[in-house]
Structure formats: structure tokens, C-alpha cells
C-alpha atoms as a PDB file:
ATOM      1  CA  MET A   1     112.914 114.493  73.775  1.00  0.00           C
ATOM      2  CA  GLN A   2     109.463 113.251  72.926  1.00  0.00           C
ATOM      3  CA  ASP A   3     107.995 109.747  72.866  1.00  0.00           C
ATOM      4  CA  GLU A   4     108.473 109.631  69.089  1.00  0.00           C
ATOM      5  CA  ASP A   5     112.209 110.333  69.408  1.00  0.00           C
ATOM      6  CA  PHE A   6     112.751 107.470  71.828  1.00  0.00           C
ATOM      7  CA  MET A   7     110.559 105.196  69.715  1.00  0.00           C
ATOM      8  CA  CYS A   8     112.762 106.009  66.720  1.00  0.00           C
ATOM      9  CA  MET A   9     115.724 104.711  68.742  1.00  0.00           C
ATOM     10  CA  ALA A  10     113.789 101.521  69.445  1.00  0.00           C
ATOM     11  CA  ILE A  11     112.954 101.214  65.738  1.00  0.00           C
ATOM     12  CA  ALA A  12     116.665 101.440  64.878  1.00  0.00           C
ATOM     13  CA  LEU A  13     117.314  98.562  67.296  1.00  0.00           C
ATOM     14  CA  ALA A  14     114.477  96.592  65.698  1.00  0.00           C
ATOM     15  CA  GLN A  15     116.113  97.102  62.310  1.00  0.00           C
ATOM     16  CA  GLU A  16     119.382  95.744  63.746  1.00  0.00           C
ATOM     17  CA  ALA A  17     117.518  92.676  64.971  1.00  0.00           C
ATOM     18  CA  ALA A  18     115.996  92.110  61.520  1.00  0.00           C
ATOM     19  CA  SER A  19     119.402  92.390  59.855  1.00  0.00           C
ATOM     20  CA  LEU A  20     120.538  89.524  62.106  1.00  0.00           C
ATOM     21  CA  GLY A  21     117.550  87.346  61.250  1.00  0.00           C
ATOM     22  CA  GLU A  22     115.676  88.085  64.471  1.00  0.00           C
ATOM     23  CA  VAL A  23     112.064  89.266  64.644  1.00  0.00           C
ATOM     24  CA  PRO A  24     112.401  93.070  64.434  1.00  0.00           C
ATOM     25  CA  VAL A  25     111.604  94.321  67.907  1.00  0.00           C
ATOM     26  CA  GLY A  26     113.643  96.986  69.674  1.00  0.00           C
ATOM     27  CA  ALA A  27     113.418  98.637  73.079  1.00  0.00           C
ATOM     28  CA  VAL A  28     114.995 101.406  75.131  1.00  0.00           C
ATOM     29  CA  VAL A  29     114.708 102.291  78.815  1.00  0.00           C
ATOM     30  CA  VAL A  30     114.760 105.986  79.696  1.00  0.00           C
ATOM     31  CA  LYS A  31     115.217 107.640  83.077  1.00  0.00           C
ATOM     32  CA  ASP A  32     115.093 111.411  83.500  1.00  0.00           C
ATOM     33  CA  GLY A  33     115.277 111.909  79.738  1.00  0.00           C
ATOM     34  CA  VAL A  34     118.408 109.766  79.301  1.00  0.00           C
ATOM     35  CA  VAL A  35     118.582 106.340  77.637  1.00  0.00           C
ATOM     36  CA  ILE A  36     120.011 103.931  80.222  1.00  0.00           C
ATOM     37  CA  GLY A  37     119.192 100.625  78.545  1.00  0.00           C
ATOM     38  CA  LYS A  38     118.928  99.271  75.014  1.00  0.00           C
ATOM     39  CA  GLY A  39     117.776  95.941  73.667  1.00  0.00           C
ATOM     40  CA  ARG A  40     116.782  94.143  70.522  1.00  0.00           C
ATOM     41  CA  ASN A  41     115.291  90.736  69.989  1.00  0.00           C
ATOM     42  CA  ALA A  42     117.954  88.021  70.248  1.00  0.00           C
ATOM     43  CA  PRO A  43     116.319  84.671  71.153  1.00  0.00           C
ATOM     44  CA  ILE A  44     117.663  82.962  68.029  1.00  0.00           C
ATOM     45  CA  SER A  45     121.231  84.245  68.182  1.00  0.00           C
ATOM     46  CA  LEU A  46     121.500  83.718  71.948  1.00  0.00           C
ATOM     47  CA  ASN A  47     119.529  80.449  72.031  1.00  0.00           C
ATOM     48  CA  ASP A  48     117.552  82.082  74.816  1.00  0.00           C
ATOM     49  CA  PRO A  49     113.740  82.152  74.791  1.00  0.00           C
ATOM     50  CA  THR A  50     113.804  85.065  77.251  1.00  0.00           C
ATOM     51  CA  ALA A  51     116.014  87.316  75.082  1.00  0.00           C
ATOM     52  CA  HIS A  52     113.172  89.572  73.977  1.00  0.00           C
ATOM     53  CA  ALA A  53     114.004  93.215  73.301  1.00  0.00           C
ATOM     54  CA  GLU A  54     112.253  94.414  76.473  1.00  0.00           C
ATOM     55  CA  ILE A  55     114.144  91.961  78.682  1.00  0.00           C
ATOM     56  CA  GLN A  56     117.456  92.880  77.043  1.00  0.00           C
ATOM     57  CA  ALA A  57     116.794  96.600  77.555  1.00  0.00           C
ATOM     58  CA  MET A  58     115.732  96.146  81.182  1.00  0.00           C
ATOM     59  CA  ARG A  59     118.819  94.007  81.911  1.00  0.00           C
ATOM     60  CA  ASP A  60     121.005  96.733  80.416  1.00  0.00           C
ATOM     61  CA  ALA A  61     119.239  99.438  82.441  1.00  0.00           C
ATOM     62  CA  ALA A  62     119.466  97.425  85.663  1.00  0.00           C
ATOM     63  CA  GLN A  63     123.225  97.034  85.162  1.00  0.00           C
ATOM     64  CA  HIS A  64     123.506 100.767  84.505  1.00  0.00           C
ATOM     65  CA  LEU A  65     121.615 101.625  87.709  1.00  0.00           C
ATOM     66  CA  GLY A  66     123.050  98.810  89.799  1.00  0.00           C
ATOM     67  CA  ASN A  67     119.506  97.888  90.803  1.00  0.00           C
ATOM     68  CA  TYR A  68     116.910  95.457  89.470  1.00  0.00           C
ATOM     69  CA  ARG A  69     114.170  97.957  90.296  1.00  0.00           C
ATOM     70  CA  LEU A  70     113.737 100.430  87.454  1.00  0.00           C
ATOM     71  CA  VAL A  71     111.659 102.911  89.430  1.00  0.00           C
ATOM     72  CA  GLY A  72     110.922 106.128  87.553  1.00  0.00           C
ATOM     73  CA  CYS A  73     111.864 104.623  84.189  1.00  0.00           C
ATOM     74  CA  THR A  74     109.972 104.518  80.907  1.00  0.00           C
ATOM     75  CA  LEU A  75     110.266 101.555  78.570  1.00  0.00           C
ATOM     76  CA  TYR A  76     109.792 102.177  74.847  1.00  0.00           C
ATOM     77  CA  VAL A  77     109.234  99.086  72.700  1.00  0.00           C
ATOM     78  CA  THR A  78     108.197  98.698  69.079  1.00  0.00           C
ATOM     79  CA  LEU A  79     105.735  95.851  69.729  1.00  0.00           C
ATOM     80  CA  GLU A  80     103.180  95.328  72.489  1.00  0.00           C
ATOM     81  CA  PRO A  81     104.805  93.152  75.180  1.00  0.00           C
ATOM     82  CA  CYS A  82     103.935  89.478  75.665  1.00  0.00           C
ATOM     83  CA  ALA A  83     103.011  87.911  79.022  1.00  0.00           C
ATOM     84  CA  MET A  84     106.652  87.204  79.940  1.00  0.00           C
ATOM     85  CA  CYS A  85     107.773  90.740  79.218  1.00  0.00           C
ATOM     86  CA  SER A  86     104.706  92.263  80.870  1.00  0.00           C
ATOM     87  CA  GLY A  87     105.512  90.330  84.036  1.00  0.00           C
ATOM     88  CA  ALA A  88     109.129  91.496  83.942  1.00  0.00           C
ATOM     89  CA  ILE A  89     107.992  95.093  83.430  1.00  0.00           C
ATOM     90  CA  GLN A  90     105.864  94.824  86.545  1.00  0.00           C
ATOM     91  CA  HIS A  91     108.583  93.157  88.610  1.00  0.00           C
ATOM     92  CA  ALA A  92     111.055  95.862  87.575  1.00  0.00           C
ATOM     93  CA  ARG A  93     108.561  98.536  88.644  1.00  0.00           C
ATOM     94  CA  ILE A  94     108.708 100.369  85.310  1.00  0.00           C
ATOM     95  CA  ALA A  95     106.683 103.564  85.748  1.00  0.00           C
ATOM     96  CA  ARG A  96     105.590 103.994  82.138  1.00  0.00           C
ATOM     97  CA  LEU A  97     105.348 101.720  79.106  1.00  0.00           C
ATOM     98  CA  VAL A  98     105.167 103.124  75.583  1.00  0.00           C
ATOM     99  CA  TYR A  99     104.729 100.748  72.655  1.00  0.00           C
ATOM    100  CA  GLY A 100     104.261 101.045  68.926  1.00  0.00           C
ATOM    101  CA  ALA A 101     102.403  98.236  67.170  1.00  0.00           C
ATOM    102  CA  SER A 102      99.709  96.199  68.888  1.00  0.00           C
ATOM    103  CA  ASP A 103     100.050  92.406  68.889  1.00  0.00           C
ATOM    104  CA  PRO A 104      96.640  90.773  68.398  1.00  0.00           C
ATOM    105  CA  LYS A 105      98.066  87.265  68.943  1.00  0.00           C
ATOM    106  CA  THR A 106     100.213  87.590  72.080  1.00  0.00           C
ATOM    107  CA  GLY A 107      99.906  91.196  73.287  1.00  0.00           C
ATOM    108  CA  CYS A 108      99.320  91.454  77.023  1.00  0.00           C
ATOM    109  CA  CYS A 109      98.845  95.198  77.353  1.00  0.00           C
ATOM    110  CA  GLY A 110      95.355  95.385  75.906  1.00  0.00           C
ATOM    111  CA  SER A 111      95.171  93.220  72.772  1.00  0.00           C
ATOM    112  CA  VAL A 112      94.687  89.713  74.224  1.00  0.00           C
ATOM    113  CA  VAL A 113      94.649  90.625  77.922  1.00  0.00           C
ATOM    114  CA  ASN A 114      95.795  93.668  79.851  1.00  0.00           C
ATOM    115  CA  LEU A 115      98.205  92.652  82.583  1.00  0.00           C
ATOM    116  CA  MET A 116      99.202  96.281  83.127  1.00  0.00           C
ATOM    117  CA  ASN A 117      95.749  97.084  84.484  1.00  0.00           C
ATOM    118  CA  GLU A 118      95.040  93.805  86.277  1.00  0.00           C
ATOM    119  CA  GLN A 119      93.821  94.969  89.682  1.00  0.00           C
ATOM    120  CA  LYS A 120      94.920  91.746  91.420  1.00  0.00           C
ATOM    121  CA  LEU A 121      98.559  92.502  90.600  1.00  0.00           C
ATOM    122  CA  ASN A 122     100.540  94.767  92.894  1.00  0.00           C
ATOM    123  CA  HIS A 123     102.168  97.089  90.347  1.00  0.00           C
ATOM    124  CA  HIS A 124     100.598  99.103  87.556  1.00  0.00           C
ATOM    125  CA  CYS A 125     102.349 101.353  85.103  1.00  0.00           C
ATOM    126  CA  GLU A 126     101.141 104.153  82.927  1.00  0.00           C
ATOM    127  CA  LEU A 127     100.521 102.916  79.399  1.00  0.00           C
ATOM    128  CA  ALA A 128     100.762 104.684  76.026  1.00  0.00           C
ATOM    129  CA  ASN A 129     100.242 102.767  72.802  1.00  0.00           C
ATOM    130  CA  ASN A 130     100.267 103.295  69.043  1.00  0.00           C
ATOM    131  CA  VAL A 131     103.335 105.561  69.123  1.00  0.00           C
ATOM    132  CA  LEU A 132     104.699 105.351  65.562  1.00  0.00           C
ATOM    133  CA  ALA A 133     102.544 102.238  65.208  1.00  0.00           C
ATOM    134  CA  GLU A 134     102.567 102.304  61.408  1.00  0.00           C
ATOM    135  CA  GLU A 135     106.367 102.372  61.236  1.00  0.00           C
ATOM    136  CA  CYS A 136     106.706  99.647  63.867  1.00  0.00           C
ATOM    137  CA  GLY A 137     104.072  97.464  62.221  1.00  0.00           C
ATOM    138  CA  ALA A 138     105.591  97.939  58.760  1.00  0.00           C
ATOM    139  CA  LEU A 139     108.926  96.555  59.998  1.00  0.00           C
ATOM    140  CA  LEU A 140     107.227  93.425  61.253  1.00  0.00           C
ATOM    141  CA  SER A 141     105.070  93.015  58.150  1.00  0.00           C
ATOM    142  CA  MET A 142     108.050  93.408  55.833  1.00  0.00           C
ATOM    143  CA  PHE A 143     110.119  90.923  57.866  1.00  0.00           C
ATOM    144  CA  PHE A 144     107.462  88.213  57.807  1.00  0.00           C
ATOM    145  CA  LYS A 145     106.626  88.841  54.151  1.00  0.00           C
ATOM    146  CA  GLN A 146     110.297  88.304  53.329  1.00  0.00           C
ATOM    147  CA  ARG A 147     110.359  85.142  55.445  1.00  0.00           C
ATOM    148  CA  ARG A 148     107.337  83.738  53.613  1.00  0.00           C
ATOM    149  CA  SER A 149     108.913  84.606  50.261  1.00  0.00           C
ATOM    150  CA  GLU A 150     112.146  82.795  51.211  1.00  0.00           C
ATOM    151  CA  LYS A 151     110.175  79.673  52.143  1.00  0.00           C
ATOM    152  CA  LEU A 152     108.447  79.685  48.749  1.00  0.00           C
ATOM    153  CA  LYS A 153     111.825  79.726  46.964  1.00  0.00           C
ATOM    154  CA  ILE A 154     112.969  76.527  48.664  1.00  0.00           C
END
């Protein structure tokens, strides 16, 4: 499978999140070509500020492997990770990060800062961005446009 195929899986998870009223972000963790972890945004439904899609997917993958280190894994996520998720990616030792849409407000993989390439940190992962960025960005734009429209109706 290619990066686009795995990103499509993450997009499907983002759509699930949106259908539940969550910001549409989805993520999958892949090892040796096999999906071993899935996650979608769930901070609202779980009342958990750490329940971002990336964290959910890495938790799922860690349970699958029986190890908190996700060495040799690739994380696919529809939106550029924030500082919290970037830190978790580094602590988990993810080998490769692939994301769709950039996040100019909170993105920590190049948009606001780049924690993945910070030389003072002890782990660095390969980074690929803008994979199906238009599709990923459109989900977010549509979600927030709908939210703004609902507020106007009140």
C-alpha cells in the first residue's frame, strides 16, 4: 500500500469523528505494511483533553504490540500534530510521520515550530507532509463552516 491508501483510512476515521461532533482528525499506525493502531479525535466524547487522534492511534498500536515503543512504525494523520502529539510521537519512537493538512495555528511539525527536527531533542522521525492535503483540509473547513452556520441559527 502507498501513503495515500493509509491516509484514506485516516480520512475515514476523521469522518467518523465529525459525525460524532468531534473535530475531524483521524490517524492510523502502520508497521510492516499492516495497520496496528487506529484513532480519531475524541476529546469531547471522552472528556479527555489528550484524546487526539494521534494519541488514540498510538495507544491502540502500543496495546497491539505490547510495548509503548513503536519502533519501526509510521503514523498517518490527517492534520499536522500539535505540541502534545509531537512529543508523544517522539517518546513512542515513531520512525516516520505522514500528515495531510498543515495547521498554521498549532502545527508543530513545520507550521508554527518543528519539534520533529529540533536538534536538542533525542529522537527524530522522518517527515512527509501534504499527503492528500486538499481532502484533509476540506474535511476541516466543512466541519468548521457547519459549526459557524449552526451558531448563526441560534
